[in-house]
Amino acid sequence: MKSIALDTAPGTGYANPIHEVECIIRSNDTVNGEYRLLVLNAPLELLDCEPGQFFHLLCPVSGTFKPYLRRPMSIYGYYPDRGELHFLYKVTGEGTSAIATLTTGDTLNVLGPLGRGFDILPNWQNLLLVARGVGLATLAPLALKSRRLNRKLTAICSARSRKLLLSLDYFNDLGVRVIAVTDEDGTSSVESMRSIIEGLIAEDPIDAMYTCGSNRILKLLQSVAATHRIPGQIALEQQMACGIGMCQCCVRAFHRDGGIVNERVCKEGPVFHLQEAVGC
């Protein structure tokens, strides 16, 4: 593995040093009909990261696929004891299609860790995670960290159908209370999830909420959090060209101090305060 440390002087906005590494692929297997799990051999310096951060992947170029830009991909798992870095991704375009062609023993250039990750404050003991589809990939490392910190975590996992639900075994193995909801069985509507969340709060007050991606879930959690005065965080998904804040491609609007501010998702995020996020 070839590793190049990049400049991360004070004031750059990154908590950890950024590295560009040529990683060897351990596996790149299908998880279900839509998603794949990419496992890389990674040096320890690359695994000094936080849940919610992401890496910028240099997609391979071939006669079939010629992606021009790197692709941002959130961390699904990081395991310093095993020297592994995991990504869960959906094949949707040329970049991810090119990554899907990689096999064991191939190399992949990764840049990171990048961005600001999730917080778990000392007084946040009972946590709620709500996400749909591949958004669960971004939130999965949060379950790992919550277990290391001995926090209680409930995960509401949403998908179109039960066969497309992700990470249920992963969460169960970490001792997470899992509630699965789907379009297929009619339990994933906003009204249904609101009822579930209100029931959880009545049962044992929630200290913090986390989500990723879905605009519908964002608005639901903002409403519930405002009613019960619960803090929360969201990891936002956005197109990114550079991943380090230079190109301004990922700028979004946020509520702050009674007005609207514009910030870069890759640099100031991708994790933001739940109530600051503006739906799109």
C-alpha atoms as a PDB file:
ATOM      1  CA  MET A   1       0.000   0.000   0.000  1.00  0.00           C
ATOM      2  CA  LYS A   2       1.399   3.350  -1.039  1.00  0.00           C
ATOM      3  CA  SER A   3       0.472   6.214   1.304  1.00  0.00           C
ATOM      4  CA  ILE A   4       0.952   9.961   0.801  1.00  0.00           C
ATOM      5  CA  ALA A   5       0.071  12.325   3.674  1.00  0.00           C
ATOM      6  CA  LEU A   6      -1.411  15.628   2.542  1.00  0.00           C
ATOM      7  CA  ASP A   7      -1.092  18.999   4.244  1.00  0.00           C
ATOM      8  CA  THR A   8      -3.680  19.498   6.992  1.00  0.00           C
ATOM      9  CA  ALA A   9      -2.413  22.614   8.737  1.00  0.00           C
ATOM     10  CA  PRO A  10      -4.511  24.260  11.502  1.00  0.00           C
ATOM     11  CA  GLY A  11      -7.542  25.999  10.053  1.00  0.00           C
ATOM     12  CA  THR A  12      -8.074  23.577   7.175  1.00  0.00           C
ATOM     13  CA  GLY A  13     -11.262  22.264   8.805  1.00  0.00           C
ATOM     14  CA  TYR A  14     -10.203  18.612   9.032  1.00  0.00           C
ATOM     15  CA  ALA A  15      -9.810  16.921  12.403  1.00  0.00           C
ATOM     16  CA  ASN A  16      -7.480  14.191  11.138  1.00  0.00           C
ATOM     17  CA  PRO A  17      -4.636  14.113   8.611  1.00  0.00           C
ATOM     18  CA  ILE A  18      -5.676  13.351   5.025  1.00  0.00           C
ATOM     19  CA  HIS A  19      -3.913  10.527   3.191  1.00  0.00           C
ATOM     20  CA  GLU A  20      -3.853   9.401  -0.422  1.00  0.00           C
ATOM     21  CA  VAL A  21      -3.378   5.635  -0.417  1.00  0.00           C
ATOM     22  CA  GLU A  22      -3.205   2.867  -3.022  1.00  0.00           C
ATOM     23  CA  CYS A  23      -5.199   0.155  -1.239  1.00  0.00           C
ATOM     24  CA  ILE A  24      -5.405  -3.501  -2.192  1.00  0.00           C
ATOM     25  CA  ILE A  25      -8.937  -4.831  -2.549  1.00  0.00           C
ATOM     26  CA  ARG A  26      -9.772  -7.703  -0.217  1.00  0.00           C
ATOM     27  CA  SER A  27     -13.270  -8.278  -1.622  1.00  0.00           C
ATOM     28  CA  ASN A  28     -15.992  -6.548  -3.645  1.00  0.00           C
ATOM     29  CA  ASP A  29     -19.106  -8.646  -3.298  1.00  0.00           C
ATOM     30  CA  THR A  30     -22.824  -8.290  -3.962  1.00  0.00           C
ATOM     31  CA  VAL A  31     -24.930  -7.781  -0.820  1.00  0.00           C
ATOM     32  CA  ASN A  32     -28.380  -7.849  -2.410  1.00  0.00           C
ATOM     33  CA  GLY A  33     -30.011  -6.913  -5.679  1.00  0.00           C
ATOM     34  CA  GLU A  34     -28.822  -3.298  -5.502  1.00  0.00           C
ATOM     35  CA  TYR A  35     -25.806  -2.973  -3.216  1.00  0.00           C
ATOM     36  CA  ARG A  36     -22.207  -4.152  -3.006  1.00  0.00           C
ATOM     37  CA  LEU A  37     -19.707  -4.280  -0.131  1.00  0.00           C
ATOM     38  CA  LEU A  38     -16.151  -3.159  -0.930  1.00  0.00           C
ATOM     39  CA  VAL A  39     -13.476  -4.193   1.568  1.00  0.00           C
ATOM     40  CA  LEU A  40      -9.978  -2.686   1.348  1.00  0.00           C
ATOM     41  CA  ASN A  41      -6.723  -3.482   3.093  1.00  0.00           C
ATOM     42  CA  ALA A  42      -5.869  -0.160   4.745  1.00  0.00           C
ATOM     43  CA  PRO A  43      -2.953   1.168   6.829  1.00  0.00           C
ATOM     44  CA  LEU A  44      -3.599   2.394  10.374  1.00  0.00           C
ATOM     45  CA  GLU A  45      -3.185   6.058   9.462  1.00  0.00           C
ATOM     46  CA  LEU A  46      -6.074   5.760   7.001  1.00  0.00           C
ATOM     47  CA  LEU A  47      -8.278   4.238   9.694  1.00  0.00           C
ATOM     48  CA  ASP A  48      -7.955   7.203  12.056  1.00  0.00           C
ATOM     49  CA  CYS A  49     -11.453   8.385  11.146  1.00  0.00           C
ATOM     50  CA  GLU A  50     -14.905   9.087  12.550  1.00  0.00           C
ATOM     51  CA  PRO A  51     -18.436   7.907  11.666  1.00  0.00           C
ATOM     52  CA  GLY A  52     -19.947  10.218   9.078  1.00  0.00           C
ATOM     53  CA  GLN A  53     -16.665  11.043   7.340  1.00  0.00           C
ATOM     54  CA  PHE A  54     -16.061   9.984   3.741  1.00  0.00           C
ATOM     55  CA  PHE A  55     -13.343   9.104   1.240  1.00  0.00           C
ATOM     56  CA  HIS A  56     -12.862  10.230  -2.343  1.00  0.00           C
ATOM     57  CA  LEU A  57     -12.320   7.196  -4.583  1.00  0.00           C
ATOM     58  CA  LEU A  58     -10.415   7.293  -7.879  1.00  0.00           C
ATOM     59  CA  CYS A  59     -12.594   5.154 -10.149  1.00  0.00           C
ATOM     60  CA  PRO A  60     -10.757   2.825 -12.534  1.00  0.00           C
ATOM     61  CA  VAL A  61     -10.780   3.705 -16.223  1.00  0.00           C
ATOM     62  CA  SER A  62     -11.241   0.995 -18.862  1.00  0.00           C
ATOM     63  CA  GLY A  63     -12.476   0.554 -22.393  1.00  0.00           C
ATOM     64  CA  THR A  64     -16.004   0.292 -21.012  1.00  0.00           C
ATOM     65  CA  PHE A  65     -16.016   2.919 -18.263  1.00  0.00           C
ATOM     66  CA  LYS A  66     -14.256   6.281 -18.306  1.00  0.00           C
ATOM     67  CA  PRO A  67     -15.327   8.198 -15.186  1.00  0.00           C
ATOM     68  CA  TYR A  68     -13.568  11.556 -15.061  1.00  0.00           C
ATOM     69  CA  LEU A  69     -13.912  12.633 -11.417  1.00  0.00           C
ATOM     70  CA  ARG A  70     -13.388  10.841  -8.121  1.00  0.00           C
ATOM     71  CA  ARG A  71     -16.514   9.620  -6.344  1.00  0.00           C
ATOM     72  CA  PRO A  72     -17.261  10.489  -2.688  1.00  0.00           C
ATOM     73  CA  MET A  73     -18.239   7.477  -0.595  1.00  0.00           C
ATOM     74  CA  SER A  74     -19.165   7.450   3.079  1.00  0.00           C
ATOM     75  CA  ILE A  75     -17.440   5.055   5.453  1.00  0.00           C
ATOM     76  CA  TYR A  76     -19.424   1.913   6.178  1.00  0.00           C
ATOM     77  CA  GLY A  77     -16.906   0.371   8.546  1.00  0.00           C
ATOM     78  CA  TYR A  78     -13.340   0.919   9.756  1.00  0.00           C
ATOM     79  CA  TYR A  79     -11.450  -1.718  11.698  1.00  0.00           C
ATOM     80  CA  PRO A  80      -7.890  -0.822  12.814  1.00  0.00           C
ATOM     81  CA  ASP A  81      -7.502  -4.235  14.479  1.00  0.00           C
ATOM     82  CA  ARG A  82      -8.060  -5.966  11.104  1.00  0.00           C
ATOM     83  CA  GLY A  83      -6.582  -3.262   8.867  1.00  0.00           C
ATOM     84  CA  GLU A  84      -9.851  -2.989   6.919  1.00  0.00           C
ATOM     85  CA  LEU A  85     -11.872  -0.134   5.443  1.00  0.00           C
ATOM     86  CA  HIS A  86     -15.410  -0.922   4.231  1.00  0.00           C
ATOM     87  CA  PHE A  87     -17.713   0.838   1.760  1.00  0.00           C
ATOM     88  CA  LEU A  88     -21.320  -0.123   1.015  1.00  0.00           C
ATOM     89  CA  TYR A  89     -22.461   1.291  -2.323  1.00  0.00           C
ATOM     90  CA  LYS A  90     -25.187   1.136  -4.918  1.00  0.00           C
ATOM     91  CA  VAL A  91     -24.262   0.802  -8.590  1.00  0.00           C
ATOM     92  CA  THR A  92     -26.019   3.790 -10.162  1.00  0.00           C
ATOM     93  CA  GLY A  93     -23.720   5.332 -12.774  1.00  0.00           C
ATOM     94  CA  GLU A  94     -20.409   5.135 -14.579  1.00  0.00           C
ATOM     95  CA  GLY A  95     -18.238   5.679 -11.499  1.00  0.00           C
ATOM     96  CA  THR A  96     -19.828   3.033  -9.291  1.00  0.00           C
ATOM     97  CA  SER A  97     -20.135   0.694 -12.287  1.00  0.00           C
ATOM     98  CA  ALA A  98     -16.377   0.994 -12.768  1.00  0.00           C
ATOM     99  CA  ILE A  99     -15.730   0.315  -9.065  1.00  0.00           C
ATOM    100  CA  ALA A 100     -17.971  -2.756  -9.302  1.00  0.00           C
ATOM    101  CA  THR A 101     -15.562  -4.302 -11.836  1.00  0.00           C
ATOM    102  CA  LEU A 102     -12.708  -4.402  -9.311  1.00  0.00           C
ATOM    103  CA  THR A 103     -11.779  -7.781  -7.863  1.00  0.00           C
ATOM    104  CA  THR A 104      -9.625  -9.211  -5.087  1.00  0.00           C
ATOM    105  CA  GLY A 105      -5.997  -8.148  -5.490  1.00  0.00           C
ATOM    106  CA  ASP A 106      -6.736  -5.054  -7.591  1.00  0.00           C
ATOM    107  CA  THR A 107      -5.744  -1.653  -6.230  1.00  0.00           C
ATOM    108  CA  LEU A 108      -7.878   1.428  -5.613  1.00  0.00           C
ATOM    109  CA  ASN A 109      -6.627   4.939  -4.904  1.00  0.00           C
ATOM    110  CA  VAL A 110      -8.503   6.517  -1.966  1.00  0.00           C
ATOM    111  CA  LEU A 111      -8.206  10.003  -0.492  1.00  0.00           C
ATOM    112  CA  GLY A 112      -9.268  10.725   3.074  1.00  0.00           C
ATOM    113  CA  PRO A 113     -10.656  10.634   5.643  1.00  0.00           C
ATOM    114  CA  LEU A 114     -12.523  13.799   4.695  1.00  0.00           C
ATOM    115  CA  GLY A 115     -15.123  16.035   6.288  1.00  0.00           C
ATOM    116  CA  ARG A 116     -16.683  16.406   9.708  1.00  0.00           C
ATOM    117  CA  GLY A 117     -18.196  13.325  11.322  1.00  0.00           C
ATOM    118  CA  PHE A 118     -20.927  12.638  13.871  1.00  0.00           C
ATOM    119  CA  ASP A 119     -20.712  13.664  17.518  1.00  0.00           C
ATOM    120  CA  ILE A 120     -21.807  11.620  20.524  1.00  0.00           C
ATOM    121  CA  LEU A 121     -21.730  14.003  23.483  1.00  0.00           C
ATOM    122  CA  PRO A 122     -21.142  12.633  27.010  1.00  0.00           C
ATOM    123  CA  ASN A 123     -24.754  13.281  28.087  1.00  0.00           C
ATOM    124  CA  TRP A 124     -26.213  11.589  25.002  1.00  0.00           C
ATOM    125  CA  GLN A 125     -26.882   8.128  26.415  1.00  0.00           C
ATOM    126  CA  ASN A 126     -29.995   7.014  24.495  1.00  0.00           C
ATOM    127  CA  LEU A 127     -29.605   7.465  20.736  1.00  0.00           C
ATOM    128  CA  LEU A 128     -31.975   7.082  17.778  1.00  0.00           C
ATOM    129  CA  LEU A 129     -30.842   6.407  14.230  1.00  0.00           C
ATOM    130  CA  VAL A 130     -33.330   6.700  11.340  1.00  0.00           C
ATOM    131  CA  ALA A 131     -32.386   6.103   7.711  1.00  0.00           C
ATOM    132  CA  ARG A 132     -33.532   4.614   4.435  1.00  0.00           C
ATOM    133  CA  GLY A 133     -31.697   2.549   1.830  1.00  0.00           C
ATOM    134  CA  VAL A 134     -28.039   3.362   1.343  1.00  0.00           C
ATOM    135  CA  GLY A 135     -28.318   6.100   3.983  1.00  0.00           C
ATOM    136  CA  LEU A 136     -27.859   3.281   6.466  1.00  0.00           C
ATOM    137  CA  ALA A 137     -24.323   2.818   5.126  1.00  0.00           C
ATOM    138  CA  THR A 138     -23.343   6.256   6.411  1.00  0.00           C
ATOM    139  CA  LEU A 139     -24.911   5.628   9.812  1.00  0.00           C
ATOM    140  CA  ALA A 140     -23.575   2.101  10.363  1.00  0.00           C
ATOM    141  CA  PRO A 141     -20.242   3.222  11.904  1.00  0.00           C
ATOM    142  CA  LEU A 142     -22.234   5.273  14.401  1.00  0.00           C
ATOM    143  CA  ALA A 143     -23.560   1.995  15.801  1.00  0.00           C
ATOM    144  CA  LEU A 144     -20.007   0.723  16.196  1.00  0.00           C
ATOM    145  CA  LYS A 145     -18.947   3.883  18.031  1.00  0.00           C
ATOM    146  CA  SER A 146     -22.021   3.873  20.267  1.00  0.00           C
ATOM    147  CA  ARG A 147     -21.205   0.331  21.350  1.00  0.00           C
ATOM    148  CA  ARG A 148     -17.621   1.294  22.126  1.00  0.00           C
ATOM    149  CA  LEU A 149     -18.991   4.141  24.266  1.00  0.00           C
ATOM    150  CA  ASN A 150     -21.591   1.856  25.883  1.00  0.00           C
ATOM    151  CA  ARG A 151     -24.572   3.894  24.675  1.00  0.00           C
ATOM    152  CA  LYS A 152     -28.082   2.628  23.998  1.00  0.00           C
ATOM    153  CA  LEU A 153     -29.034   2.809  20.313  1.00  0.00           C
ATOM    154  CA  THR A 154     -32.248   2.146  18.413  1.00  0.00           C
ATOM    155  CA  ALA A 155     -32.146   1.975  14.594  1.00  0.00           C
ATOM    156  CA  ILE A 156     -35.243   2.480  12.445  1.00  0.00           C
ATOM    157  CA  CYS A 157     -34.273   0.982   9.073  1.00  0.00           C
ATOM    158  CA  SER A 158     -36.420   1.785   6.044  1.00  0.00           C
ATOM    159  CA  ALA A 159     -36.520   0.374   2.509  1.00  0.00           C
ATOM    160  CA  ARG A 160     -38.906  -0.310  -0.363  1.00  0.00           C
ATOM    161  CA  SER A 161     -39.071  -4.016   0.495  1.00  0.00           C
ATOM    162  CA  ARG A 162     -37.715  -6.423   3.083  1.00  0.00           C
ATOM    163  CA  LYS A 163     -35.227  -7.897   0.619  1.00  0.00           C
ATOM    164  CA  LEU A 164     -33.656  -4.445   0.180  1.00  0.00           C
ATOM    165  CA  LEU A 165     -33.247  -3.739   3.897  1.00  0.00           C
ATOM    166  CA  LEU A 166     -29.610  -3.143   4.758  1.00  0.00           C
ATOM    167  CA  SER A 167     -27.404  -3.679   7.798  1.00  0.00           C
ATOM    168  CA  LEU A 168     -29.975  -5.454   9.984  1.00  0.00           C
ATOM    169  CA  ASP A 169     -27.547  -8.229  10.962  1.00  0.00           C
ATOM    170  CA  TYR A 170     -24.775  -5.672  11.414  1.00  0.00           C
ATOM    171  CA  PHE A 171     -26.887  -3.654  13.856  1.00  0.00           C
ATOM    172  CA  ASN A 172     -28.192  -6.740  15.673  1.00  0.00           C
ATOM    173  CA  ASP A 173     -24.659  -8.040  16.184  1.00  0.00           C
ATOM    174  CA  LEU A 174     -23.757  -4.729  17.854  1.00  0.00           C
ATOM    175  CA  GLY A 175     -26.663  -4.995  20.281  1.00  0.00           C
ATOM    176  CA  VAL A 176     -28.742  -2.327  18.555  1.00  0.00           C
ATOM    177  CA  ARG A 177     -32.514  -2.419  18.876  1.00  0.00           C
ATOM    178  CA  VAL A 178     -33.675  -2.678  15.250  1.00  0.00           C
ATOM    179  CA  ILE A 179     -37.073  -1.625  13.915  1.00  0.00           C
ATOM    180  CA  ALA A 180     -37.527  -2.446  10.217  1.00  0.00           C
ATOM    181  CA  VAL A 181     -40.126  -0.570   8.154  1.00  0.00           C
ATOM    182  CA  THR A 182     -40.887  -0.971   4.446  1.00  0.00           C
ATOM    183  CA  ASP A 183     -43.113   0.365   1.707  1.00  0.00           C
ATOM    184  CA  GLU A 184     -44.051  -3.237   0.980  1.00  0.00           C
ATOM    185  CA  ASP A 185     -45.752  -3.791   4.341  1.00  0.00           C
ATOM    186  CA  GLY A 186     -47.044  -0.227   4.683  1.00  0.00           C
ATOM    187  CA  THR A 187     -44.995   0.699   7.765  1.00  0.00           C
ATOM    188  CA  SER A 188     -42.571   3.234   6.236  1.00  0.00           C
ATOM    189  CA  SER A 189     -44.923   6.209   5.847  1.00  0.00           C
ATOM    190  CA  VAL A 190     -44.181   9.437   7.713  1.00  0.00           C
ATOM    191  CA  GLU A 191     -47.244   8.905   9.905  1.00  0.00           C
ATOM    192  CA  SER A 192     -46.176   5.370  10.806  1.00  0.00           C
ATOM    193  CA  MET A 193     -42.605   6.362  11.628  1.00  0.00           C
ATOM    194  CA  ARG A 194     -43.782   9.360  13.658  1.00  0.00           C
ATOM    195  CA  SER A 195     -45.949   7.017  15.746  1.00  0.00           C
ATOM    196  CA  ILE A 196     -42.996   4.659  16.269  1.00  0.00           C
ATOM    197  CA  ILE A 197     -40.665   7.491  17.314  1.00  0.00           C
ATOM    198  CA  GLU A 198     -43.218   9.065  19.653  1.00  0.00           C
ATOM    199  CA  GLY A 199     -43.672   5.643  21.264  1.00  0.00           C
ATOM    200  CA  LEU A 200     -39.912   5.293  21.771  1.00  0.00           C
ATOM    201  CA  ILE A 201     -39.709   8.736  23.369  1.00  0.00           C
ATOM    202  CA  ALA A 202     -42.578   7.919  25.729  1.00  0.00           C
ATOM    203  CA  GLU A 203     -40.889   4.652  26.655  1.00  0.00           C
ATOM    204  CA  ASP A 204     -37.421   6.117  27.325  1.00  0.00           C
ATOM    205  CA  PRO A 205     -36.571   9.769  26.454  1.00  0.00           C
ATOM    206  CA  ILE A 206     -34.190  10.053  23.491  1.00  0.00           C
ATOM    207  CA  ASP A 207     -31.073  12.205  23.931  1.00  0.00           C
ATOM    208  CA  ALA A 208     -30.072  12.610  20.272  1.00  0.00           C
ATOM    209  CA  MET A 209     -31.271  11.715  16.765  1.00  0.00           C
ATOM    210  CA  TYR A 210     -29.241  10.906  13.643  1.00  0.00           C
ATOM    211  CA  THR A 211     -30.178  10.517   9.995  1.00  0.00           C
ATOM    212  CA  CYS A 212     -28.787  10.656   6.473  1.00  0.00           C
ATOM    213  CA  GLY A 213     -30.030  11.573   3.035  1.00  0.00           C
ATOM    214  CA  SER A 214     -33.808  11.251   2.908  1.00  0.00           C
ATOM    215  CA  ASN A 215     -35.597  14.612   2.741  1.00  0.00           C
ATOM    216  CA  ARG A 216     -38.806  13.032   4.025  1.00  0.00           C
ATOM    217  CA  ILE A 217     -37.083  11.612   7.104  1.00  0.00           C
ATOM    218  CA  LEU A 218     -35.224  14.892   7.650  1.00  0.00           C
ATOM    219  CA  LYS A 219     -38.485  16.863   7.858  1.00  0.00           C
ATOM    220  CA  LEU A 220     -40.038  14.244  10.134  1.00  0.00           C
ATOM    221  CA  LEU A 221     -37.128  14.298  12.583  1.00  0.00           C
ATOM    222  CA  GLN A 222     -36.926  18.090  12.529  1.00  0.00           C
ATOM    223  CA  SER A 223     -40.591  18.214  13.550  1.00  0.00           C
ATOM    224  CA  VAL A 224     -40.296  15.604  16.307  1.00  0.00           C
ATOM    225  CA  ALA A 225     -37.006  17.031  17.573  1.00  0.00           C
ATOM    226  CA  ALA A 226     -38.449  20.550  17.762  1.00  0.00           C
ATOM    227  CA  THR A 227     -41.499  19.320  19.680  1.00  0.00           C
ATOM    228  CA  HIS A 228     -39.430  17.412  22.237  1.00  0.00           C
ATOM    229  CA  ARG A 229     -36.335  19.647  22.165  1.00  0.00           C
ATOM    230  CA  ILE A 230     -34.040  16.813  21.133  1.00  0.00           C
ATOM    231  CA  PRO A 231     -30.718  17.630  19.433  1.00  0.00           C
ATOM    232  CA  GLY A 232     -29.737  15.800  16.286  1.00  0.00           C
ATOM    233  CA  GLN A 233     -27.371  15.553  13.358  1.00  0.00           C
ATOM    234  CA  ILE A 234     -27.701  14.726   9.671  1.00  0.00           C
ATOM    235  CA  ALA A 235     -25.130  13.536   7.138  1.00  0.00           C
ATOM    236  CA  LEU A 236     -25.935  15.140   3.791  1.00  0.00           C
ATOM    237  CA  GLU A 237     -25.401  13.628   0.365  1.00  0.00           C
ATOM    238  CA  GLN A 238     -24.206  15.955  -2.358  1.00  0.00           C
ATOM    239  CA  GLN A 239     -22.353  15.869  -5.661  1.00  0.00           C
ATOM    240  CA  MET A 240     -18.661  16.632  -5.091  1.00  0.00           C
ATOM    241  CA  ALA A 241     -15.925  17.265  -7.598  1.00  0.00           C
ATOM    242  CA  CYS A 242     -12.868  17.816  -5.404  1.00  0.00           C
ATOM    243  CA  GLY A 243     -13.971  16.694  -1.942  1.00  0.00           C
ATOM    244  CA  ILE A 244     -11.671  19.197  -0.193  1.00  0.00           C
ATOM    245  CA  GLY A 245     -13.624  22.443  -0.449  1.00  0.00           C
ATOM    246  CA  MET A 246     -11.950  24.109  -3.406  1.00  0.00           C
ATOM    247  CA  CYS A 247     -14.452  23.704  -6.253  1.00  0.00           C
ATOM    248  CA  GLN A 248     -17.598  24.904  -4.403  1.00  0.00           C
ATOM    249  CA  CYS A 249     -19.614  22.222  -6.208  1.00  0.00           C
ATOM    250  CA  CYS A 250     -21.315  20.973  -3.033  1.00  0.00           C
ATOM    251  CA  VAL A 251     -22.514  24.283  -1.548  1.00  0.00           C
ATOM    252  CA  ARG A 252     -25.928  24.108   0.149  1.00  0.00           C
ATOM    253  CA  ALA A 253     -28.104  26.501   2.129  1.00  0.00           C
ATOM    254  CA  PHE A 254     -28.524  26.175   5.907  1.00  0.00           C
ATOM    255  CA  HIS A 255     -30.629  27.879   8.555  1.00  0.00           C
ATOM    256  CA  ARG A 256     -28.419  29.695  11.071  1.00  0.00           C
ATOM    257  CA  ASP A 257     -28.792  32.635  13.436  1.00  0.00           C
ATOM    258  CA  GLY A 258     -32.154  33.599  11.995  1.00  0.00           C
ATOM    259  CA  GLY A 259     -30.934  33.664   8.406  1.00  0.00           C
ATOM    260  CA  ILE A 260     -29.582  31.540   5.592  1.00  0.00           C
ATOM    261  CA  VAL A 261     -25.898  30.720   5.159  1.00  0.00           C
ATOM    262  CA  ASN A 262     -24.186  28.744   2.399  1.00  0.00           C
ATOM    263  CA  GLU A 263     -21.623  26.095   3.293  1.00  0.00           C
ATOM    264  CA  ARG A 264     -19.681  23.343   1.556  1.00  0.00           C
ATOM    265  CA  VAL A 265     -20.948  19.879   2.381  1.00  0.00           C
ATOM    266  CA  CYS A 266     -17.516  18.313   1.855  1.00  0.00           C
ATOM    267  CA  LYS A 267     -15.662  20.773   4.076  1.00  0.00           C
ATOM    268  CA  GLU A 268     -18.003  22.102   6.765  1.00  0.00           C
ATOM    269  CA  GLY A 269     -19.932  18.801   6.687  1.00  0.00           C
ATOM    270  CA  PRO A 270     -21.059  16.329   5.568  1.00  0.00           C
ATOM    271  CA  VAL A 271     -22.507  16.184   9.106  1.00  0.00           C
ATOM    272  CA  PHE A 272     -24.576  19.197  10.202  1.00  0.00           C
ATOM    273  CA  HIS A 273     -26.986  20.049  13.005  1.00  0.00           C
ATOM    274  CA  LEU A 274     -30.390  18.566  12.219  1.00  0.00           C
ATOM    275  CA  GLN A 275     -32.356  21.809  12.502  1.00  0.00           C
ATOM    276  CA  GLU A 276     -29.919  23.731  10.284  1.00  0.00           C
ATOM    277  CA  ALA A 277     -30.462  21.541   7.229  1.00  0.00           C
ATOM    278  CA  VAL A 278     -32.707  22.906   4.474  1.00  0.00           C
ATOM    279  CA  GLY A 279     -34.613  20.246   2.545  1.00  0.00           C
ATOM    280  CA  CYS A 280     -34.150  20.013  -1.207  1.00  0.00           C
END
